[in-house]
Amino acid sequence: MSPLRDVGLRDAEDLEIFEAAKAQGVILITKDSDFVDLVVRLGSPPQIIWLTCGNTSNARLQEILSATLLEALELLRTGEVLVEISKD
C-alpha cells in the first residue's frame, strides 16, 4: 500500500485521487465518505474499503484491520465494489 504522499497526491482533490486510482486499478482505503459518493455516482473501478471506525488510535486501527482486512480483500476479489469496515 502506498500512501498518497508517496504517489504525488497528498494535496489532491478527491476526484483527482479517485481518477488516479481508477487509472491504476488500485483499491482505495479511506475514512472519507466522499469516495463512497464518487463510486456510487461514477461507478467502479476503483474498489473501496471504507473505514467507518471513527476516531481511533493507530494501534486500535491496526487491530481492526488485522481482524478484517483479509475478508474485505476477498469480498473485493469476488466482485464487491465497496466494503465497509467498522470497529464493531
PDB file of N, CA and C in Angstrom:
ATOM      1  N   MET A   1       0.843  -1.173   0.000  1.00  0.00           N
ATOM      2  CA  MET A   1       0.000   0.000   0.000  1.00  0.00           C
ATOM      3  C   MET A   1       0.889   1.238   0.000  1.00  0.00           C
ATOM      4  N   SER A   2       0.547   2.171  -0.850  1.00  0.00           N
ATOM      5  CA  SER A   2       1.305   3.417  -0.949  1.00  0.00           C
ATOM      6  C   SER A   2       0.464   4.573  -0.440  1.00  0.00           C
ATOM      7  N   PRO A   3       0.949   5.265   0.578  1.00  0.00           N
ATOM      8  CA  PRO A   3       0.243   6.473   0.999  1.00  0.00           C
ATOM      9  C   PRO A   3       0.221   7.492  -0.133  1.00  0.00           C
ATOM     10  N   LEU A   4      -0.774   8.347  -0.117  1.00  0.00           N
ATOM     11  CA  LEU A   4      -0.921   9.349  -1.179  1.00  0.00           C
ATOM     12  C   LEU A   4       0.319  10.210  -1.339  1.00  0.00           C
ATOM     13  N   ARG A   5       0.986  10.498  -0.247  1.00  0.00           N
ATOM     14  CA  ARG A   5       2.184  11.345  -0.346  1.00  0.00           C
ATOM     15  C   ARG A   5       3.264  10.671  -1.181  1.00  0.00           C
ATOM     16  N   ASP A   6       3.282   9.338  -1.203  1.00  0.00           N
ATOM     17  CA  ASP A   6       4.305   8.608  -1.957  1.00  0.00           C
ATOM     18  C   ASP A   6       4.025   8.564  -3.453  1.00  0.00           C
ATOM     19  N   VAL A   7       2.809   8.871  -3.858  1.00  0.00           N
ATOM     20  CA  VAL A   7       2.463   8.846  -5.288  1.00  0.00           C
ATOM     21  C   VAL A   7       2.108  10.234  -5.812  1.00  0.00           C
ATOM     22  N   GLY A   8       2.480  11.269  -5.058  1.00  0.00           N
ATOM     23  CA  GLY A   8       2.303  12.635  -5.518  1.00  0.00           C
ATOM     24  C   GLY A   8       0.887  13.170  -5.432  1.00  0.00           C
ATOM     25  N   LEU A   9       0.049  12.574  -4.586  1.00  0.00           N
ATOM     26  CA  LEU A   9      -1.348  13.013  -4.496  1.00  0.00           C
ATOM     27  C   LEU A   9      -1.731  13.503  -3.101  1.00  0.00           C
ATOM     28  N   ARG A  10      -0.772  13.847  -2.291  1.00  0.00           N
ATOM     29  CA  ARG A  10      -1.058  14.232  -0.910  1.00  0.00           C
ATOM     30  C   ARG A  10      -2.047  15.394  -0.812  1.00  0.00           C
ATOM     31  N   ASP A  11      -1.911  16.384  -1.677  1.00  0.00           N
ATOM     32  CA  ASP A  11      -2.771  17.564  -1.618  1.00  0.00           C
ATOM     33  C   ASP A  11      -3.838  17.574  -2.706  1.00  0.00           C
ATOM     34  N   ALA A  12      -4.070  16.430  -3.329  1.00  0.00           N
ATOM     35  CA  ALA A  12      -5.019  16.344  -4.441  1.00  0.00           C
ATOM     36  C   ALA A  12      -6.465  16.370  -3.953  1.00  0.00           C
ATOM     37  N   GLU A  13      -7.348  16.814  -4.834  1.00  0.00           N
ATOM     38  CA  GLU A  13      -8.784  16.770  -4.576  1.00  0.00           C
ATOM     39  C   GLU A  13      -9.264  15.323  -4.675  1.00  0.00           C
ATOM     40  N   ASP A  14     -10.410  15.039  -4.056  1.00  0.00           N
ATOM     41  CA  ASP A  14     -10.952  13.680  -4.048  1.00  0.00           C
ATOM     42  C   ASP A  14     -11.121  13.112  -5.455  1.00  0.00           C
ATOM     43  N   LEU A  15     -11.659  13.903  -6.368  1.00  0.00           N
ATOM     44  CA  LEU A  15     -11.893  13.407  -7.725  1.00  0.00           C
ATOM     45  C   LEU A  15     -10.581  13.037  -8.410  1.00  0.00           C
ATOM     46  N   GLU A  16      -9.537  13.811  -8.186  1.00  0.00           N
ATOM     47  CA  GLU A  16      -8.230  13.505  -8.775  1.00  0.00           C
ATOM     48  C   GLU A  16      -7.685  12.183  -8.222  1.00  0.00           C
ATOM     49  N   ILE A  17      -7.835  11.974  -6.926  1.00  0.00           N
ATOM     50  CA  ILE A  17      -7.405  10.718  -6.307  1.00  0.00           C
ATOM     51  C   ILE A  17      -8.227   9.560  -6.857  1.00  0.00           C
ATOM     52  N   PHE A  18      -9.539   9.743  -6.954  1.00  0.00           N
ATOM     53  CA  PHE A  18     -10.443   8.718  -7.479  1.00  0.00           C
ATOM     54  C   PHE A  18     -10.041   8.333  -8.899  1.00  0.00           C
ATOM     55  N   GLU A  19      -9.814   9.328  -9.752  1.00  0.00           N
ATOM     56  CA  GLU A  19      -9.446   9.063 -11.146  1.00  0.00           C
ATOM     57  C   GLU A  19      -8.087   8.376 -11.248  1.00  0.00           C
ATOM     58  N   ALA A  20      -7.136   8.764 -10.407  1.00  0.00           N
ATOM     59  CA  ALA A  20      -5.822   8.115 -10.415  1.00  0.00           C
ATOM     60  C   ALA A  20      -5.941   6.657  -9.981  1.00  0.00           C
ATOM     61  N   ALA A  21      -6.754   6.395  -8.970  1.00  0.00           N
ATOM     62  CA  ALA A  21      -6.971   5.016  -8.518  1.00  0.00           C
ATOM     63  C   ALA A  21      -7.638   4.198  -9.612  1.00  0.00           C
ATOM     64  N   LYS A  22      -8.592   4.806 -10.292  1.00  0.00           N
ATOM     65  CA  LYS A  22      -9.277   4.135 -11.401  1.00  0.00           C
ATOM     66  C   LYS A  22      -8.286   3.788 -12.508  1.00  0.00           C
ATOM     67  N   ALA A  23      -7.445   4.739 -12.885  1.00  0.00           N
ATOM     68  CA  ALA A  23      -6.484   4.536 -13.970  1.00  0.00           C
ATOM     69  C   ALA A  23      -5.456   3.465 -13.626  1.00  0.00           C
ATOM     70  N   GLN A  24      -5.104   3.375 -12.349  1.00  0.00           N
ATOM     71  CA  GLN A  24      -4.068   2.429 -11.945  1.00  0.00           C
ATOM     72  C   GLN A  24      -4.631   1.113 -11.419  1.00  0.00           C
ATOM     73  N   GLY A  25      -5.954   1.022 -11.300  1.00  0.00           N
ATOM     74  CA  GLY A  25      -6.575  -0.217 -10.850  1.00  0.00           C
ATOM     75  C   GLY A  25      -6.245  -0.598  -9.420  1.00  0.00           C
ATOM     76  N   VAL A  26      -6.158   0.407  -8.564  1.00  0.00           N
ATOM     77  CA  VAL A  26      -5.838   0.130  -7.163  1.00  0.00           C
ATOM     78  C   VAL A  26      -7.085   0.231  -6.291  1.00  0.00           C
ATOM     79  N   ILE A  27      -6.989  -0.312  -5.107  1.00  0.00           N
ATOM     80  CA  ILE A  27      -8.060  -0.251  -4.119  1.00  0.00           C
ATOM     81  C   ILE A  27      -7.804   0.960  -3.227  1.00  0.00           C
ATOM     82  N   LEU A  28      -8.836   1.766  -3.024  1.00  0.00           N
ATOM     83  CA  LEU A  28      -8.740   2.889  -2.091  1.00  0.00           C
ATOM     84  C   LEU A  28      -9.171   2.418  -0.710  1.00  0.00           C
ATOM     85  N   ILE A  29      -8.376   2.745   0.290  1.00  0.00           N
ATOM     86  CA  ILE A  29      -8.747   2.519   1.683  1.00  0.00           C
ATOM     87  C   ILE A  29      -8.895   3.902   2.286  1.00  0.00           C
ATOM     88  N   THR A  30     -10.100   4.221   2.760  1.00  0.00           N
ATOM     89  CA  THR A  30     -10.377   5.594   3.170  1.00  0.00           C
ATOM     90  C   THR A  30     -11.397   5.656   4.295  1.00  0.00           C
ATOM     91  N   LYS A  31     -11.342   6.745   5.055  1.00  0.00           N
ATOM     92  CA  LYS A  31     -12.387   7.074   6.020  1.00  0.00           C
ATOM     93  C   LYS A  31     -13.357   8.102   5.440  1.00  0.00           C
ATOM     94  N   ASP A  32     -13.055   8.625   4.275  1.00  0.00           N
ATOM     95  CA  ASP A  32     -13.782   9.732   3.660  1.00  0.00           C
ATOM     96  C   ASP A  32     -14.994   9.230   2.870  1.00  0.00           C
ATOM     97  N   SER A  33     -16.189   9.584   3.317  1.00  0.00           N
ATOM     98  CA  SER A  33     -17.414   9.137   2.633  1.00  0.00           C
ATOM     99  C   SER A  33     -17.573   9.761   1.250  1.00  0.00           C
ATOM    100  N   ASP A  34     -16.809  10.805   0.944  1.00  0.00           N
ATOM    101  CA  ASP A  34     -16.877  11.391  -0.400  1.00  0.00           C
ATOM    102  C   ASP A  34     -16.507  10.370  -1.468  1.00  0.00           C
ATOM    103  N   PHE A  35     -15.604   9.449  -1.154  1.00  0.00           N
ATOM    104  CA  PHE A  35     -15.221   8.425  -2.127  1.00  0.00           C
ATOM    105  C   PHE A  35     -16.346   7.426  -2.351  1.00  0.00           C
ATOM    106  N   VAL A  36     -17.129   7.167  -1.328  1.00  0.00           N
ATOM    107  CA  VAL A  36     -18.312   6.313  -1.482  1.00  0.00           C
ATOM    108  C   VAL A  36     -19.287   6.996  -2.436  1.00  0.00           C
ATOM    109  N   ASP A  37     -19.507   8.284  -2.246  1.00  0.00           N
ATOM    110  CA  ASP A  37     -20.384   9.040  -3.142  1.00  0.00           C
ATOM    111  C   ASP A  37     -19.867   9.010  -4.578  1.00  0.00           C
ATOM    112  N   LEU A  38     -18.557   9.136  -4.754  1.00  0.00           N
ATOM    113  CA  LEU A  38     -17.981   9.115  -6.101  1.00  0.00           C
ATOM    114  C   LEU A  38     -18.170   7.766  -6.777  1.00  0.00           C
ATOM    115  N   VAL A  39     -17.979   6.677  -6.055  1.00  0.00           N
ATOM    116  CA  VAL A  39     -18.146   5.360  -6.676  1.00  0.00           C
ATOM    117  C   VAL A  39     -19.616   5.098  -6.990  1.00  0.00           C
ATOM    118  N   VAL A  40     -20.521   5.620  -6.175  1.00  0.00           N
ATOM    119  CA  VAL A  40     -21.953   5.492  -6.473  1.00  0.00           C
ATOM    120  C   VAL A  40     -22.289   6.297  -7.725  1.00  0.00           C
ATOM    121  N   ARG A  41     -21.747   7.492  -7.820  1.00  0.00           N
ATOM    122  CA  ARG A  41     -22.049   8.381  -8.939  1.00  0.00           C
ATOM    123  C   ARG A  41     -21.326   8.002 -10.232  1.00  0.00           C
ATOM    124  N   LEU A  42     -20.049   7.634 -10.130  1.00  0.00           N
ATOM    125  CA  LEU A  42     -19.228   7.425 -11.319  1.00  0.00           C
ATOM    126  C   LEU A  42     -18.944   5.960 -11.625  1.00  0.00           C
ATOM    127  N   GLY A  43     -19.248   5.088 -10.690  1.00  0.00           N
ATOM    128  CA  GLY A  43     -19.020   3.664 -10.904  1.00  0.00           C
ATOM    129  C   GLY A  43     -17.617   3.223 -10.530  1.00  0.00           C
ATOM    130  N   SER A  44     -17.428   1.934 -10.671  1.00  0.00           N
ATOM    131  CA  SER A  44     -16.164   1.305 -10.315  1.00  0.00           C
ATOM    132  C   SER A  44     -15.466   0.839 -11.582  1.00  0.00           C
ATOM    133  N   PRO A  45     -14.151   0.736 -11.656  1.00  0.00           N
ATOM    134  CA  PRO A  45     -13.230   0.922 -10.549  1.00  0.00           C
ATOM    135  C   PRO A  45     -13.105   2.390 -10.168  1.00  0.00           C
ATOM    136  N   PRO A  46     -12.498   2.693  -9.073  1.00  0.00           N
ATOM    137  CA  PRO A  46     -11.795   1.808  -8.158  1.00  0.00           C
ATOM    138  C   PRO A  46     -12.736   1.131  -7.179  1.00  0.00           C
ATOM    139  N   GLN A  47     -12.219   0.087  -6.559  1.00  0.00           N
ATOM    140  CA  GLN A  47     -12.931  -0.523  -5.447  1.00  0.00           C
ATOM    141  C   GLN A  47     -12.502   0.218  -4.184  1.00  0.00           C
ATOM    142  N   ILE A  48     -13.381   0.182  -3.174  1.00  0.00           N
ATOM    143  CA  ILE A  48     -13.127   0.971  -1.973  1.00  0.00           C
ATOM    144  C   ILE A  48     -13.316   0.129  -0.725  1.00  0.00           C
ATOM    145  N   ILE A  49     -12.365   0.243   0.180  1.00  0.00           N
ATOM    146  CA  ILE A  49     -12.541  -0.223   1.552  1.00  0.00           C
ATOM    147  C   ILE A  49     -12.779   1.033   2.365  1.00  0.00           C
ATOM    148  N   TRP A  50     -13.993   1.121   2.918  1.00  0.00           N
ATOM    149  CA  TRP A  50     -14.427   2.317   3.645  1.00  0.00           C
ATOM    150  C   TRP A  50     -14.337   2.042   5.137  1.00  0.00           C
ATOM    151  N   LEU A  51     -13.478   2.769   5.826  1.00  0.00           N
ATOM    152  CA  LEU A  51     -13.282   2.608   7.260  1.00  0.00           C
ATOM    153  C   LEU A  51     -14.247   3.523   8.005  1.00  0.00           C
ATOM    154  N   THR A  52     -15.176   2.913   8.725  1.00  0.00           N
ATOM    155  CA  THR A  52     -16.160   3.687   9.488  1.00  0.00           C
ATOM    156  C   THR A  52     -15.976   3.431  10.977  1.00  0.00           C
ATOM    157  N   CYS A  53     -14.733   3.400  11.396  1.00  0.00           N
ATOM    158  CA  CYS A  53     -14.435   3.111  12.796  1.00  0.00           C
ATOM    159  C   CYS A  53     -14.191   4.379  13.606  1.00  0.00           C
ATOM    160  N   GLY A  54     -14.492   5.518  13.039  1.00  0.00           N
ATOM    161  CA  GLY A  54     -14.398   6.776  13.767  1.00  0.00           C
ATOM    162  C   GLY A  54     -12.979   7.116  14.174  1.00  0.00           C
ATOM    163  N   ASN A  55     -12.876   8.053  15.090  1.00  0.00           N
ATOM    164  CA  ASN A  55     -11.561   8.435  15.603  1.00  0.00           C
ATOM    165  C   ASN A  55     -11.062   7.326  16.506  1.00  0.00           C
ATOM    166  N   THR A  56      -9.929   6.792  16.160  1.00  0.00           N
ATOM    167  CA  THR A  56      -9.355   5.696  16.923  1.00  0.00           C
ATOM    168  C   THR A  56      -7.843   5.794  16.847  1.00  0.00           C
ATOM    169  N   SER A  57      -7.184   5.189  17.776  1.00  0.00           N
ATOM    170  CA  SER A  57      -5.720   5.218  17.763  1.00  0.00           C
ATOM    171  C   SER A  57      -5.189   4.366  16.615  1.00  0.00           C
ATOM    172  N   ASN A  58      -3.963   4.637  16.226  1.00  0.00           N
ATOM    173  CA  ASN A  58      -3.341   3.820  15.187  1.00  0.00           C
ATOM    174  C   ASN A  58      -3.254   2.363  15.619  1.00  0.00           C
ATOM    175  N   ALA A  59      -2.980   2.140  16.900  1.00  0.00           N
ATOM    176  CA  ALA A  59      -2.895   0.764  17.401  1.00  0.00           C
ATOM    177  C   ALA A  59      -4.241   0.056  17.268  1.00  0.00           C
ATOM    178  N   ARG A  60      -5.318   0.742  17.631  1.00  0.00           N
ATOM    179  CA  ARG A  60      -6.654   0.135  17.511  1.00  0.00           C
ATOM    180  C   ARG A  60      -7.012  -0.076  16.047  1.00  0.00           C
ATOM    181  N   LEU A  61      -6.690   0.865  15.181  1.00  0.00           N
ATOM    182  CA  LEU A  61      -6.956   0.698  13.757  1.00  0.00           C
ATOM    183  C   LEU A  61      -6.197  -0.505  13.210  1.00  0.00           C
ATOM    184  N   GLN A  62      -4.973  -0.687  13.649  1.00  0.00           N
ATOM    185  CA  GLN A  62      -4.195  -1.847  13.222  1.00  0.00           C
ATOM    186  C   GLN A  62      -4.869  -3.141  13.683  1.00  0.00           C
ATOM    187  N   GLU A  63      -5.402  -3.170  14.899  1.00  0.00           N
ATOM    188  CA  GLU A  63      -6.130  -4.346  15.391  1.00  0.00           C
ATOM    189  C   GLU A  63      -7.346  -4.631  14.522  1.00  0.00           C
ATOM    190  N   ILE A  64      -8.098  -3.586  14.210  1.00  0.00           N
ATOM    191  CA  ILE A  64      -9.308  -3.737  13.393  1.00  0.00           C
ATOM    192  C   ILE A  64      -8.943  -4.285  12.019  1.00  0.00           C
ATOM    193  N   LEU A  65      -7.931  -3.701  11.394  1.00  0.00           N
ATOM    194  CA  LEU A  65      -7.535  -4.154  10.060  1.00  0.00           C
ATOM    195  C   LEU A  65      -6.952  -5.563  10.090  1.00  0.00           C
ATOM    196  N   SER A  66      -6.212  -5.892  11.128  1.00  0.00           N
ATOM    197  CA  SER A  66      -5.673  -7.252  11.241  1.00  0.00           C
ATOM    198  C   SER A  66      -6.786  -8.285  11.291  1.00  0.00           C
ATOM    199  N   ALA A  67      -7.897  -7.920  11.916  1.00  0.00           N
ATOM    200  CA  ALA A  67      -9.016  -8.850  12.058  1.00  0.00           C
ATOM    201  C   ALA A  67      -9.934  -8.885  10.840  1.00  0.00           C
ATOM    202  N   THR A  68      -9.894  -7.872   9.981  1.00  0.00           N
ATOM    203  CA  THR A  68     -10.911  -7.765   8.925  1.00  0.00           C
ATOM    204  C   THR A  68     -10.385  -7.616   7.503  1.00  0.00           C
ATOM    205  N   LEU A  69      -9.148  -7.224   7.335  1.00  0.00           N
ATOM    206  CA  LEU A  69      -8.666  -6.857   6.004  1.00  0.00           C
ATOM    207  C   LEU A  69      -8.676  -8.022   5.016  1.00  0.00           C
ATOM    208  N   LEU A  70      -8.264  -9.204   5.435  1.00  0.00           N
ATOM    209  CA  LEU A  70      -8.250 -10.338   4.504  1.00  0.00           C
ATOM    210  C   LEU A  70      -9.651 -10.652   3.984  1.00  0.00           C
ATOM    211  N   GLU A  71     -10.638 -10.622   4.869  1.00  0.00           N
ATOM    212  CA  GLU A  71     -12.021 -10.861   4.437  1.00  0.00           C
ATOM    213  C   GLU A  71     -12.491  -9.754   3.495  1.00  0.00           C
ATOM    214  N   ALA A  72     -12.137  -8.521   3.805  1.00  0.00           N
ATOM    215  CA  ALA A  72     -12.519  -7.400   2.938  1.00  0.00           C
ATOM    216  C   ALA A  72     -11.911  -7.558   1.550  1.00  0.00           C
ATOM    217  N   LEU A  73     -10.654  -7.928   1.486  1.00  0.00           N
ATOM    218  CA  LEU A  73      -9.997  -8.125   0.193  1.00  0.00           C
ATOM    219  C   LEU A  73     -10.622  -9.277  -0.580  1.00  0.00           C
ATOM    220  N   GLU A  74     -11.023 -10.324   0.114  1.00  0.00           N
ATOM    221  CA  GLU A  74     -11.692 -11.446  -0.547  1.00  0.00           C
ATOM    222  C   GLU A  74     -13.032 -10.999  -1.128  1.00  0.00           C
ATOM    223  N   LEU A  75     -13.778 -10.191  -0.399  1.00  0.00           N
ATOM    224  CA  LEU A  75     -15.048  -9.668  -0.919  1.00  0.00           C
ATOM    225  C   LEU A  75     -14.811  -8.837  -2.179  1.00  0.00           C
ATOM    226  N   LEU A  76     -13.776  -8.023  -2.180  1.00  0.00           N
ATOM    227  CA  LEU A  76     -13.450  -7.243  -3.373  1.00  0.00           C
ATOM    228  C   LEU A  76     -13.050  -8.162  -4.523  1.00  0.00           C
ATOM    229  N   ARG A  77     -12.288  -9.201  -4.223  1.00  0.00           N
ATOM    230  CA  ARG A  77     -11.851 -10.137  -5.254  1.00  0.00           C
ATOM    231  C   ARG A  77     -13.038 -10.822  -5.923  1.00  0.00           C
ATOM    232  N   THR A  78     -14.105 -11.044  -5.158  1.00  0.00           N
ATOM    233  CA  THR A  78     -15.283 -11.714  -5.713  1.00  0.00           C
ATOM    234  C   THR A  78     -16.260 -10.746  -6.363  1.00  0.00           C
ATOM    235  N   GLY A  79     -15.884  -9.458  -6.457  1.00  0.00           N
ATOM    236  CA  GLY A  79     -16.691  -8.526  -7.221  1.00  0.00           C
ATOM    237  C   GLY A  79     -17.362  -7.401  -6.476  1.00  0.00           C
ATOM    238  N   GLU A  80     -17.275  -7.397  -5.155  1.00  0.00           N
ATOM    239  CA  GLU A  80     -17.846  -6.266  -4.418  1.00  0.00           C
ATOM    240  C   GLU A  80     -17.094  -4.994  -4.801  1.00  0.00           C
ATOM    241  N   VAL A  81     -17.814  -3.910  -4.882  1.00  0.00           N
ATOM    242  CA  VAL A  81     -17.212  -2.623  -5.226  1.00  0.00           C
ATOM    243  C   VAL A  81     -16.812  -1.862  -3.969  1.00  0.00           C
ATOM    244  N   LEU A  82     -17.611  -2.018  -2.921  1.00  0.00           N
ATOM    245  CA  LEU A  82     -17.433  -1.266  -1.685  1.00  0.00           C
ATOM    246  C   LEU A  82     -17.553  -2.213  -0.504  1.00  0.00           C
ATOM    247  N   VAL A  83     -16.559  -2.185   0.372  1.00  0.00           N
ATOM    248  CA  VAL A  83     -16.595  -2.976   1.596  1.00  0.00           C
ATOM    249  C   VAL A  83     -16.392  -2.016   2.760  1.00  0.00           C
ATOM    250  N   GLU A  84     -17.296  -2.076   3.716  1.00  0.00           N
ATOM    251  CA  GLU A  84     -17.218  -1.214   4.895  1.00  0.00           C
ATOM    252  C   GLU A  84     -16.618  -1.989   6.057  1.00  0.00           C
ATOM    253  N   ILE A  85     -15.659  -1.377   6.721  1.00  0.00           N
ATOM    254  CA  ILE A  85     -15.063  -1.947   7.926  1.00  0.00           C
ATOM    255  C   ILE A  85     -15.344  -0.981   9.068  1.00  0.00           C
ATOM    256  N   SER A  86     -16.004  -1.493  10.105  1.00  0.00           N
ATOM    257  CA  SER A  86     -16.301  -0.669  11.280  1.00  0.00           C
ATOM    258  C   SER A  86     -15.580  -1.254  12.489  1.00  0.00           C
ATOM    259  N   LYS A  87     -15.687  -0.584  13.621  1.00  0.00           N
ATOM    260  CA  LYS A  87     -14.994  -1.078  14.814  1.00  0.00           C
ATOM    261  C   LYS A  87     -15.767  -2.168  15.528  1.00  0.00           C
ATOM    262  N   ASP A  88     -16.974  -2.446  15.106  1.00  0.00           N
ATOM    263  CA  ASP A  88     -17.784  -3.473  15.772  1.00  0.00           C
ATOM    264  C   ASP A  88     -17.521  -4.845  15.225  1.00  0.00           C
TER     265      ASP A  88
END
